[in-house]
Amino acid sequence: MKRWIYAVPAVGFLALAVVLFQGLFSGRAPDLLPSALINKPAPDIGLEAMDDVTPGFTRADLAAGHVTVVNFFASWCVPCRMESAQLMALSKMPGITIYGIDYEERQPGAGRAFLDEEGNPFSRIVADTHGKVGINWGVYGVPETYVVDGKGIVRFKLVGQLTPKAMTEQLLPEIEKARQAS
């Protein structure tokens, strides 16, 4: 009977090792974190425009009949700076609308300065100064990018920097799927 006491931790460790080992080869991309929003209406925005230069948007704008890419960004975010060229290229593609949510800026005007420096791919921008909208959207950290179909339903979430590979292999195919769902 005492021998089983020694075997229990070893069996438990072995079971845990098998589960973790399988996770390494699950085939799931690490930047695709599950989101409770997928296939559900986009959360309410309820924020003011970032500034007087670019208009803001609401949830109703996300259900205006066209697919929208929503990007959470911040001036203090290094990966946001690194993805800016991809967002600019995306904004020049026909039929693509990109809205921005300036997330938890630490200094007033920092978001505008960032966009003036890096380029502004957004047709509309709101400021989530305290991060409340980000919480409702399930933001883990910036940058995060969402695809919302023409009915205002969230169809895809990309966590982290939008790289050329992520844009061609993930984002653009998901935009096309969202167009077909609309």
N, C-alpha and C. Protein backbone atom coordinates (compact mmCIF):
# COMPACT_ATOMS: atom_id res chain seq x y z
N MET A 1 0.80 -1.19 0.00
CA MET A 1 0.00 0.00 0.00
C MET A 1 0.85 1.26 0.00
N LYS A 2 1.95 1.25 0.72
CA LYS A 2 2.81 2.41 0.79
C LYS A 2 3.48 2.71 -0.55
N ARG A 3 3.65 1.70 -1.38
CA ARG A 3 4.30 1.91 -2.68
C ARG A 3 3.45 2.80 -3.57
N TRP A 4 2.12 2.71 -3.48
CA TRP A 4 1.23 3.54 -4.30
C TRP A 4 1.38 5.01 -3.96
N ILE A 5 1.68 5.30 -2.72
CA ILE A 5 1.86 6.70 -2.30
C ILE A 5 3.02 7.32 -3.08
N TYR A 6 4.04 6.56 -3.34
CA TYR A 6 5.19 7.07 -4.08
C TYR A 6 4.90 7.16 -5.59
N ALA A 7 4.00 6.35 -6.07
CA ALA A 7 3.70 6.32 -7.51
C ALA A 7 2.76 7.45 -7.93
N VAL A 8 1.92 7.93 -7.03
CA VAL A 8 0.92 8.95 -7.38
C VAL A 8 1.58 10.23 -7.91
N PRO A 9 2.58 10.81 -7.26
CA PRO A 9 3.20 12.02 -7.81
C PRO A 9 3.86 11.76 -9.18
N ALA A 10 4.47 10.61 -9.35
CA ALA A 10 5.12 10.29 -10.62
C ALA A 10 4.10 10.18 -11.75
N VAL A 11 2.96 9.54 -11.49
CA VAL A 11 1.90 9.40 -12.49
C VAL A 11 1.31 10.78 -12.80
N GLY A 12 1.11 11.59 -11.78
CA GLY A 12 0.59 12.95 -11.98
C GLY A 12 1.54 13.78 -12.83
N PHE A 13 2.83 13.70 -12.53
CA PHE A 13 3.83 14.43 -13.32
C PHE A 13 3.83 13.95 -14.76
N LEU A 14 3.76 12.66 -14.96
CA LEU A 14 3.75 12.11 -16.32
C LEU A 14 2.53 12.58 -17.10
N ALA A 15 1.37 12.59 -16.47
CA ALA A 15 0.14 13.06 -17.14
C ALA A 15 0.27 14.54 -17.52
N LEU A 16 0.80 15.35 -16.61
CA LEU A 16 1.00 16.78 -16.90
C LEU A 16 1.99 16.97 -18.04
N ALA A 17 3.06 16.21 -18.05
CA ALA A 17 4.06 16.31 -19.11
C ALA A 17 3.46 15.96 -20.48
N VAL A 18 2.62 14.95 -20.53
CA VAL A 18 1.97 14.56 -21.79
C VAL A 18 1.07 15.69 -22.30
N VAL A 19 0.28 16.29 -21.42
CA VAL A 19 -0.62 17.38 -21.81
C VAL A 19 0.18 18.57 -22.33
N LEU A 20 1.24 18.95 -21.61
CA LEU A 20 2.05 20.08 -22.04
C LEU A 20 2.78 19.79 -23.35
N PHE A 21 3.27 18.58 -23.52
CA PHE A 21 3.95 18.20 -24.76
C PHE A 21 3.00 18.27 -25.95
N GLN A 22 1.76 17.82 -25.77
CA GLN A 22 0.77 17.90 -26.85
C GLN A 22 0.47 19.34 -27.22
N GLY A 23 0.49 20.23 -26.23
CA GLY A 23 0.24 21.65 -26.48
C GLY A 23 1.28 22.27 -27.38
N LEU A 24 2.50 21.76 -27.33
CA LEU A 24 3.56 22.27 -28.21
C LEU A 24 3.28 22.00 -29.68
N PHE A 25 2.55 20.94 -29.96
CA PHE A 25 2.32 20.53 -31.34
C PHE A 25 0.85 20.57 -31.72
N SER A 26 0.10 21.46 -31.07
CA SER A 26 -1.34 21.54 -31.34
C SER A 26 -1.64 22.18 -32.69
N GLY A 27 -0.65 22.89 -33.27
CA GLY A 27 -0.86 23.54 -34.55
C GLY A 27 -1.53 24.89 -34.43
N ARG A 28 -1.89 25.30 -33.23
CA ARG A 28 -2.54 26.59 -33.02
C ARG A 28 -1.50 27.68 -32.90
N ALA A 29 -1.68 28.75 -33.64
CA ALA A 29 -0.73 29.86 -33.60
C ALA A 29 -0.80 30.54 -32.23
N PRO A 30 0.36 30.92 -31.66
CA PRO A 30 0.35 31.53 -30.34
C PRO A 30 -0.29 32.91 -30.32
N ASP A 31 -0.40 33.58 -31.48
CA ASP A 31 -1.01 34.92 -31.51
C ASP A 31 -2.53 34.85 -31.68
N LEU A 32 -3.09 33.66 -31.77
CA LEU A 32 -4.53 33.51 -31.87
C LEU A 32 -5.09 33.09 -30.51
N LEU A 33 -5.26 34.07 -29.65
CA LEU A 33 -5.84 33.79 -28.35
C LEU A 33 -7.35 33.71 -28.49
N PRO A 34 -7.97 32.82 -27.77
CA PRO A 34 -9.42 32.71 -27.88
C PRO A 34 -10.09 34.00 -27.43
N SER A 35 -11.19 34.32 -28.06
CA SER A 35 -11.93 35.51 -27.69
C SER A 35 -13.40 35.15 -27.55
N ALA A 36 -14.00 35.60 -26.47
CA ALA A 36 -15.43 35.37 -26.26
C ALA A 36 -16.27 36.19 -27.22
N LEU A 37 -15.66 37.14 -27.93
CA LEU A 37 -16.39 38.01 -28.84
C LEU A 37 -16.62 37.41 -30.22
N ILE A 38 -15.87 36.40 -30.59
CA ILE A 38 -15.97 35.85 -31.94
C ILE A 38 -17.41 35.39 -32.19
N ASN A 39 -17.95 35.86 -33.32
CA ASN A 39 -19.32 35.57 -33.76
C ASN A 39 -20.38 36.21 -32.86
N LYS A 40 -20.00 37.27 -32.15
CA LYS A 40 -20.93 38.03 -31.33
C LYS A 40 -20.85 39.51 -31.71
N PRO A 41 -21.89 40.27 -31.40
CA PRO A 41 -21.85 41.71 -31.72
C PRO A 41 -20.69 42.41 -31.04
N ALA A 42 -20.09 43.35 -31.76
CA ALA A 42 -19.01 44.14 -31.18
C ALA A 42 -19.53 44.90 -29.96
N PRO A 43 -18.71 44.99 -28.92
CA PRO A 43 -19.13 45.75 -27.73
C PRO A 43 -19.34 47.23 -28.05
N ASP A 44 -20.09 47.88 -27.18
CA ASP A 44 -20.33 49.31 -27.33
C ASP A 44 -19.01 50.06 -27.24
N ILE A 45 -18.92 51.16 -27.96
CA ILE A 45 -17.71 51.98 -27.95
C ILE A 45 -17.89 53.12 -26.94
N GLY A 46 -18.84 54.01 -27.18
CA GLY A 46 -19.16 55.08 -26.24
C GLY A 46 -18.00 55.98 -25.88
N LEU A 47 -17.11 56.25 -26.81
CA LEU A 47 -15.95 57.10 -26.55
C LEU A 47 -15.97 58.32 -27.48
N GLU A 48 -15.28 59.34 -27.05
CA GLU A 48 -15.12 60.54 -27.87
C GLU A 48 -14.03 60.32 -28.91
N ALA A 49 -14.09 61.12 -29.97
CA ALA A 49 -13.02 61.10 -30.96
C ALA A 49 -11.70 61.43 -30.27
N MET A 50 -10.61 60.88 -30.78
CA MET A 50 -9.30 61.11 -30.18
C MET A 50 -8.97 62.61 -30.16
N ASP A 51 -9.33 63.31 -31.25
CA ASP A 51 -9.10 64.75 -31.34
C ASP A 51 -10.00 65.32 -32.43
N ASP A 52 -9.79 66.57 -32.77
CA ASP A 52 -10.61 67.22 -33.79
C ASP A 52 -10.19 66.88 -35.22
N VAL A 53 -9.08 66.22 -35.39
CA VAL A 53 -8.56 65.94 -36.73
C VAL A 53 -9.30 64.78 -37.40
N THR A 54 -9.54 63.71 -36.66
CA THR A 54 -10.18 62.51 -37.21
C THR A 54 -11.46 62.23 -36.43
N PRO A 55 -12.58 61.97 -37.12
CA PRO A 55 -13.83 61.71 -36.39
C PRO A 55 -13.77 60.40 -35.60
N GLY A 56 -14.64 60.31 -34.61
CA GLY A 56 -14.76 59.09 -33.82
C GLY A 56 -15.74 58.12 -34.48
N PHE A 57 -16.07 57.05 -33.76
CA PHE A 57 -17.04 56.07 -34.26
C PHE A 57 -17.76 55.40 -33.11
N THR A 58 -18.86 54.77 -33.45
CA THR A 58 -19.68 54.06 -32.47
C THR A 58 -19.89 52.62 -32.94
N ARG A 59 -20.58 51.85 -32.13
CA ARG A 59 -20.91 50.48 -32.53
C ARG A 59 -21.78 50.49 -33.79
N ALA A 60 -22.66 51.50 -33.91
CA ALA A 60 -23.51 51.61 -35.11
C ALA A 60 -22.67 51.74 -36.38
N ASP A 61 -21.55 52.44 -36.30
CA ASP A 61 -20.66 52.56 -37.47
C ASP A 61 -20.06 51.21 -37.86
N LEU A 62 -19.91 50.32 -36.88
CA LEU A 62 -19.36 49.00 -37.16
C LEU A 62 -20.38 48.08 -37.83
N ALA A 63 -21.64 48.47 -37.78
CA ALA A 63 -22.71 47.67 -38.40
C ALA A 63 -23.30 48.40 -39.61
N ALA A 64 -22.47 49.19 -40.28
CA ALA A 64 -22.94 50.04 -41.38
C ALA A 64 -22.89 49.35 -42.74
N GLY A 65 -22.71 48.04 -42.76
CA GLY A 65 -22.77 47.30 -44.01
C GLY A 65 -21.43 47.01 -44.67
N HIS A 66 -20.33 47.42 -44.06
CA HIS A 66 -19.01 47.12 -44.63
C HIS A 66 -18.11 46.52 -43.55
N VAL A 67 -17.18 45.69 -43.98
CA VAL A 67 -16.24 45.07 -43.05
C VAL A 67 -15.29 46.16 -42.54
N THR A 68 -15.03 46.11 -41.25
CA THR A 68 -14.16 47.09 -40.61
C THR A 68 -13.06 46.36 -39.84
N VAL A 69 -11.85 46.88 -39.96
CA VAL A 69 -10.74 46.40 -39.14
C VAL A 69 -10.59 47.41 -38.01
N VAL A 70 -10.63 46.91 -36.78
CA VAL A 70 -10.48 47.77 -35.60
C VAL A 70 -9.15 47.44 -34.95
N ASN A 71 -8.31 48.48 -34.78
CA ASN A 71 -6.97 48.28 -34.24
C ASN A 71 -6.80 49.08 -32.96
N PHE A 72 -6.43 48.39 -31.88
CA PHE A 72 -6.07 49.05 -30.62
C PHE A 72 -4.57 49.36 -30.69
N PHE A 73 -4.21 50.62 -30.46
CA PHE A 73 -2.81 51.04 -30.55
C PHE A 73 -2.52 52.05 -29.45
N ALA A 74 -1.24 52.36 -29.26
CA ALA A 74 -0.82 53.41 -28.33
C ALA A 74 0.54 53.93 -28.75
N SER A 75 0.81 55.18 -28.44
CA SER A 75 2.09 55.78 -28.81
C SER A 75 3.26 55.15 -28.07
N TRP A 76 3.02 54.66 -26.86
CA TRP A 76 4.08 54.07 -26.04
C TRP A 76 4.35 52.61 -26.39
N CYS A 77 3.63 52.06 -27.33
CA CYS A 77 3.71 50.65 -27.69
C CYS A 77 4.71 50.44 -28.83
N VAL A 78 5.82 49.77 -28.56
CA VAL A 78 6.85 49.54 -29.58
C VAL A 78 6.32 48.68 -30.74
N PRO A 79 5.61 47.57 -30.48
CA PRO A 79 5.07 46.80 -31.61
C PRO A 79 4.07 47.59 -32.46
N CYS A 80 3.40 48.58 -31.85
CA CYS A 80 2.48 49.43 -32.63
C CYS A 80 3.26 50.24 -33.65
N ARG A 81 4.41 50.72 -33.26
CA ARG A 81 5.26 51.45 -34.21
C ARG A 81 5.74 50.52 -35.32
N MET A 82 6.07 49.30 -34.93
CA MET A 82 6.59 48.35 -35.90
C MET A 82 5.53 47.89 -36.90
N GLU A 83 4.26 47.88 -36.50
CA GLU A 83 3.20 47.44 -37.40
C GLU A 83 2.61 48.58 -38.23
N SER A 84 3.03 49.80 -37.98
CA SER A 84 2.40 50.95 -38.65
C SER A 84 2.53 50.87 -40.17
N ALA A 85 3.63 50.37 -40.69
CA ALA A 85 3.78 50.25 -42.15
C ALA A 85 2.75 49.27 -42.72
N GLN A 86 2.48 48.19 -41.99
CA GLN A 86 1.48 47.21 -42.45
C GLN A 86 0.08 47.82 -42.44
N LEU A 87 -0.23 48.58 -41.41
CA LEU A 87 -1.54 49.22 -41.34
C LEU A 87 -1.70 50.26 -42.44
N MET A 88 -0.63 50.99 -42.73
CA MET A 88 -0.69 51.98 -43.81
C MET A 88 -0.94 51.27 -45.15
N ALA A 89 -0.25 50.16 -45.38
CA ALA A 89 -0.46 49.40 -46.63
C ALA A 89 -1.89 48.87 -46.68
N LEU A 90 -2.39 48.38 -45.57
CA LEU A 90 -3.76 47.85 -45.51
C LEU A 90 -4.77 48.96 -45.80
N SER A 91 -4.52 50.16 -45.29
CA SER A 91 -5.46 51.27 -45.48
C SER A 91 -5.55 51.71 -46.94
N LYS A 92 -4.54 51.39 -47.73
CA LYS A 92 -4.54 51.77 -49.15
C LYS A 92 -5.19 50.71 -50.04
N MET A 93 -5.53 49.56 -49.47
CA MET A 93 -6.19 48.52 -50.25
C MET A 93 -7.65 48.89 -50.45
N PRO A 94 -8.17 48.69 -51.67
CA PRO A 94 -9.56 49.07 -51.92
C PRO A 94 -10.54 48.27 -51.06
N GLY A 95 -11.54 48.98 -50.56
CA GLY A 95 -12.60 48.33 -49.81
C GLY A 95 -12.27 47.99 -48.38
N ILE A 96 -11.13 48.48 -47.86
CA ILE A 96 -10.76 48.18 -46.47
C ILE A 96 -10.91 49.45 -45.65
N THR A 97 -11.67 49.34 -44.56
CA THR A 97 -11.88 50.45 -43.65
C THR A 97 -11.22 50.10 -42.32
N ILE A 98 -10.38 51.00 -41.81
CA ILE A 98 -9.70 50.75 -40.55
C ILE A 98 -10.07 51.84 -39.55
N TYR A 99 -10.56 51.41 -38.39
CA TYR A 99 -10.85 52.32 -37.29
C TYR A 99 -9.81 52.05 -36.20
N GLY A 100 -9.42 53.10 -35.50
CA GLY A 100 -8.43 52.98 -34.44
C GLY A 100 -9.00 53.30 -33.07
N ILE A 101 -8.47 52.62 -32.07
CA ILE A 101 -8.78 52.93 -30.68
C ILE A 101 -7.45 53.20 -29.98
N ASP A 102 -7.24 54.48 -29.65
CA ASP A 102 -6.01 54.91 -28.97
C ASP A 102 -6.14 54.49 -27.51
N TYR A 103 -5.34 53.53 -27.11
CA TYR A 103 -5.52 52.82 -25.84
C TYR A 103 -4.59 53.34 -24.74
N GLU A 104 -5.19 53.82 -23.68
CA GLU A 104 -4.49 54.20 -22.44
C GLU A 104 -3.26 55.08 -22.67
N GLU A 105 -3.45 56.16 -23.42
CA GLU A 105 -2.34 57.10 -23.61
C GLU A 105 -1.96 57.72 -22.27
N ARG A 106 -0.69 57.91 -22.10
CA ARG A 106 -0.20 58.45 -20.83
C ARG A 106 -0.11 59.97 -20.84
N GLN A 107 -0.04 60.56 -22.05
CA GLN A 107 0.06 62.01 -22.16
C GLN A 107 -0.92 62.52 -23.21
N PRO A 108 -1.63 63.60 -22.93
CA PRO A 108 -2.55 64.16 -23.92
C PRO A 108 -1.78 64.54 -25.20
N GLY A 109 -2.37 64.22 -26.33
CA GLY A 109 -1.75 64.55 -27.61
C GLY A 109 -0.73 63.55 -28.10
N ALA A 110 -0.38 62.56 -27.28
CA ALA A 110 0.65 61.59 -27.67
C ALA A 110 0.18 60.72 -28.84
N GLY A 111 -1.11 60.38 -28.85
CA GLY A 111 -1.64 59.57 -29.95
C GLY A 111 -1.55 60.29 -31.28
N ARG A 112 -1.91 61.58 -31.31
CA ARG A 112 -1.82 62.37 -32.54
C ARG A 112 -0.37 62.51 -32.98
N ALA A 113 0.54 62.77 -32.05
CA ALA A 113 1.96 62.88 -32.39
C ALA A 113 2.47 61.57 -33.00
N PHE A 114 2.05 60.45 -32.43
CA PHE A 114 2.43 59.14 -32.95
C PHE A 114 1.96 58.98 -34.40
N LEU A 115 0.70 59.32 -34.66
CA LEU A 115 0.15 59.18 -36.01
C LEU A 115 0.77 60.17 -36.99
N ASP A 116 1.10 61.36 -36.52
CA ASP A 116 1.78 62.33 -37.39
C ASP A 116 3.16 61.83 -37.78
N GLU A 117 3.81 61.13 -36.88
CA GLU A 117 5.15 60.60 -37.13
C GLU A 117 5.12 59.33 -37.99
N GLU A 118 4.24 58.40 -37.66
CA GLU A 118 4.21 57.09 -38.31
C GLU A 118 3.28 57.01 -39.51
N GLY A 119 2.31 57.93 -39.60
CA GLY A 119 1.28 57.87 -40.63
C GLY A 119 -0.03 57.44 -40.00
N ASN A 120 -1.13 57.93 -40.58
CA ASN A 120 -2.45 57.63 -40.02
C ASN A 120 -3.24 56.74 -40.97
N PRO A 121 -3.37 55.45 -40.64
CA PRO A 121 -4.13 54.53 -41.49
C PRO A 121 -5.63 54.53 -41.17
N PHE A 122 -6.04 55.25 -40.13
CA PHE A 122 -7.40 55.16 -39.61
C PHE A 122 -8.32 56.23 -40.21
N SER A 123 -9.51 55.80 -40.61
CA SER A 123 -10.49 56.77 -41.09
C SER A 123 -11.27 57.36 -39.92
N ARG A 124 -11.30 56.66 -38.79
CA ARG A 124 -11.94 57.14 -37.57
C ARG A 124 -11.15 56.64 -36.37
N ILE A 125 -11.09 57.48 -35.31
CA ILE A 125 -10.30 57.12 -34.12
C ILE A 125 -11.02 57.61 -32.87
N VAL A 126 -11.07 56.75 -31.86
CA VAL A 126 -11.55 57.15 -30.54
C VAL A 126 -10.43 56.95 -29.53
N ALA A 127 -10.57 57.61 -28.38
CA ALA A 127 -9.55 57.52 -27.33
C ALA A 127 -10.11 56.76 -26.14
N ASP A 128 -9.49 55.63 -25.83
CA ASP A 128 -9.85 54.82 -24.65
C ASP A 128 -8.85 55.13 -23.54
N THR A 129 -8.98 56.31 -22.99
CA THR A 129 -8.01 56.84 -22.03
C THR A 129 -7.83 55.94 -20.81
N HIS A 130 -8.91 55.38 -20.30
CA HIS A 130 -8.84 54.58 -19.08
C HIS A 130 -8.90 53.07 -19.33
N GLY A 131 -8.99 52.66 -20.58
CA GLY A 131 -8.96 51.23 -20.91
C GLY A 131 -10.26 50.48 -20.72
N LYS A 132 -11.37 51.17 -20.45
CA LYS A 132 -12.64 50.48 -20.18
C LYS A 132 -13.18 49.77 -21.43
N VAL A 133 -13.08 50.41 -22.57
CA VAL A 133 -13.55 49.77 -23.81
C VAL A 133 -12.64 48.58 -24.14
N GLY A 134 -11.36 48.74 -23.92
CA GLY A 134 -10.43 47.63 -24.14
C GLY A 134 -10.79 46.41 -23.31
N ILE A 135 -11.22 46.64 -22.08
CA ILE A 135 -11.65 45.52 -21.23
C ILE A 135 -12.86 44.84 -21.85
N ASN A 136 -13.83 45.63 -22.31
CA ASN A 136 -15.03 45.06 -22.92
C ASN A 136 -14.71 44.27 -24.18
N TRP A 137 -13.68 44.67 -24.90
CA TRP A 137 -13.28 43.98 -26.12
C TRP A 137 -12.37 42.79 -25.81
N GLY A 138 -11.91 42.66 -24.58
CA GLY A 138 -11.04 41.55 -24.21
C GLY A 138 -9.59 41.77 -24.60
N VAL A 139 -9.16 43.03 -24.61
CA VAL A 139 -7.79 43.35 -25.00
C VAL A 139 -6.82 42.86 -23.94
N TYR A 140 -5.82 42.10 -24.39
CA TYR A 140 -4.76 41.62 -23.51
C TYR A 140 -3.66 42.67 -23.40
N GLY A 141 -3.43 43.37 -24.49
CA GLY A 141 -2.40 44.39 -24.58
C GLY A 141 -2.33 44.85 -26.02
N VAL A 142 -1.74 45.99 -26.23
CA VAL A 142 -1.67 46.52 -27.59
C VAL A 142 -0.40 46.04 -28.27
N PRO A 143 -0.41 45.92 -29.57
CA PRO A 143 -1.54 46.08 -30.47
C PRO A 143 -2.42 44.83 -30.54
N GLU A 144 -3.68 45.07 -30.80
CA GLU A 144 -4.63 44.01 -31.11
C GLU A 144 -5.50 44.49 -32.26
N THR A 145 -5.84 43.56 -33.13
CA THR A 145 -6.60 43.89 -34.33
C THR A 145 -7.79 42.96 -34.45
N TYR A 146 -8.94 43.53 -34.74
CA TYR A 146 -10.19 42.79 -34.87
C TYR A 146 -10.77 43.00 -36.26
N VAL A 147 -11.45 41.99 -36.77
CA VAL A 147 -12.22 42.11 -38.01
C VAL A 147 -13.69 42.04 -37.61
N VAL A 148 -14.44 43.06 -38.03
CA VAL A 148 -15.87 43.14 -37.72
C VAL A 148 -16.62 43.15 -39.04
N ASP A 149 -17.59 42.24 -39.19
CA ASP A 149 -18.32 42.17 -40.47
C ASP A 149 -19.30 43.34 -40.60
N GLY A 150 -19.97 43.44 -41.73
CA GLY A 150 -20.87 44.55 -42.02
C GLY A 150 -22.09 44.63 -41.13
N LYS A 151 -22.36 43.57 -40.38
CA LYS A 151 -23.49 43.56 -39.45
C LYS A 151 -23.05 43.90 -38.02
N GLY A 152 -21.76 44.18 -37.85
CA GLY A 152 -21.25 44.53 -36.53
C GLY A 152 -20.86 43.33 -35.68
N ILE A 153 -20.64 42.18 -36.32
CA ILE A 153 -20.26 40.95 -35.61
C ILE A 153 -18.75 40.78 -35.68
N VAL A 154 -18.12 40.53 -34.54
CA VAL A 154 -16.68 40.30 -34.50
C VAL A 154 -16.40 38.93 -35.09
N ARG A 155 -15.54 38.89 -36.09
CA ARG A 155 -15.23 37.62 -36.78
C ARG A 155 -13.82 37.10 -36.52
N PHE A 156 -12.90 37.99 -36.09
CA PHE A 156 -11.51 37.55 -35.95
C PHE A 156 -10.78 38.49 -35.00
N LYS A 157 -9.80 37.94 -34.29
CA LYS A 157 -8.95 38.72 -33.40
C LYS A 157 -7.50 38.30 -33.59
N LEU A 158 -6.64 39.27 -33.81
CA LEU A 158 -5.20 39.03 -33.92
C LEU A 158 -4.53 39.76 -32.77
N VAL A 159 -3.83 39.02 -31.94
CA VAL A 159 -3.12 39.60 -30.81
C VAL A 159 -1.67 39.81 -31.21
N GLY A 160 -1.18 41.00 -30.95
CA GLY A 160 0.21 41.30 -31.23
C GLY A 160 0.38 42.05 -32.55
N GLN A 161 1.63 42.25 -32.89
CA GLN A 161 2.00 43.03 -34.06
C GLN A 161 1.50 42.41 -35.36
N LEU A 162 0.95 43.25 -36.22
CA LEU A 162 0.55 42.84 -37.56
C LEU A 162 1.79 42.81 -38.44
N THR A 163 2.30 41.63 -38.70
CA THR A 163 3.49 41.46 -39.54
C THR A 163 3.04 41.22 -40.98
N PRO A 164 3.96 41.31 -41.95
CA PRO A 164 3.56 40.98 -43.32
C PRO A 164 2.98 39.58 -43.44
N LYS A 165 3.57 38.62 -42.73
CA LYS A 165 3.08 37.24 -42.77
C LYS A 165 1.68 37.14 -42.17
N ALA A 166 1.47 37.77 -41.00
CA ALA A 166 0.16 37.73 -40.36
C ALA A 166 -0.89 38.42 -41.23
N MET A 167 -0.49 39.46 -41.95
CA MET A 167 -1.45 40.16 -42.80
C MET A 167 -1.88 39.27 -43.96
N THR A 168 -0.92 38.62 -44.63
CA THR A 168 -1.29 37.81 -45.80
C THR A 168 -1.89 36.46 -45.43
N GLU A 169 -1.42 35.86 -44.35
CA GLU A 169 -1.88 34.52 -44.01
C GLU A 169 -3.09 34.49 -43.07
N GLN A 170 -3.30 35.56 -42.32
CA GLN A 170 -4.39 35.56 -41.34
C GLN A 170 -5.40 36.68 -41.60
N LEU A 171 -4.94 37.93 -41.54
CA LEU A 171 -5.88 39.05 -41.57
C LEU A 171 -6.64 39.16 -42.88
N LEU A 172 -5.95 39.17 -44.00
CA LEU A 172 -6.64 39.32 -45.29
C LEU A 172 -7.63 38.17 -45.56
N PRO A 173 -7.28 36.91 -45.29
CA PRO A 173 -8.28 35.85 -45.45
C PRO A 173 -9.49 36.03 -44.53
N GLU A 174 -9.27 36.52 -43.31
CA GLU A 174 -10.39 36.72 -42.39
C GLU A 174 -11.26 37.89 -42.82
N ILE A 175 -10.67 38.91 -43.42
CA ILE A 175 -11.44 40.02 -43.97
C ILE A 175 -12.35 39.49 -45.08
N GLU A 176 -11.80 38.64 -45.94
CA GLU A 176 -12.60 38.08 -47.03
C GLU A 176 -13.73 37.21 -46.51
N LYS A 177 -13.47 36.41 -45.48
CA LYS A 177 -14.53 35.60 -44.88
C LYS A 177 -15.63 36.49 -44.30
N ALA A 178 -15.22 37.58 -43.65
CA ALA A 178 -16.20 38.51 -43.06
C ALA A 178 -17.04 39.16 -44.15
N ARG A 179 -16.45 39.45 -45.29
CA ARG A 179 -17.20 40.02 -46.41
C ARG A 179 -18.27 39.04 -46.88
N GLN A 180 -17.92 37.78 -46.93
CA GLN A 180 -18.87 36.77 -47.38
C GLN A 180 -19.99 36.55 -46.36
N ALA A 181 -19.68 36.78 -45.08
CA ALA A 181 -20.68 36.61 -44.02
C ALA A 181 -21.66 37.79 -43.97
N SER A 182 -21.23 38.92 -44.51
CA SER A 182 -22.08 40.14 -44.42
C SER A 182 -23.24 40.11 -45.36
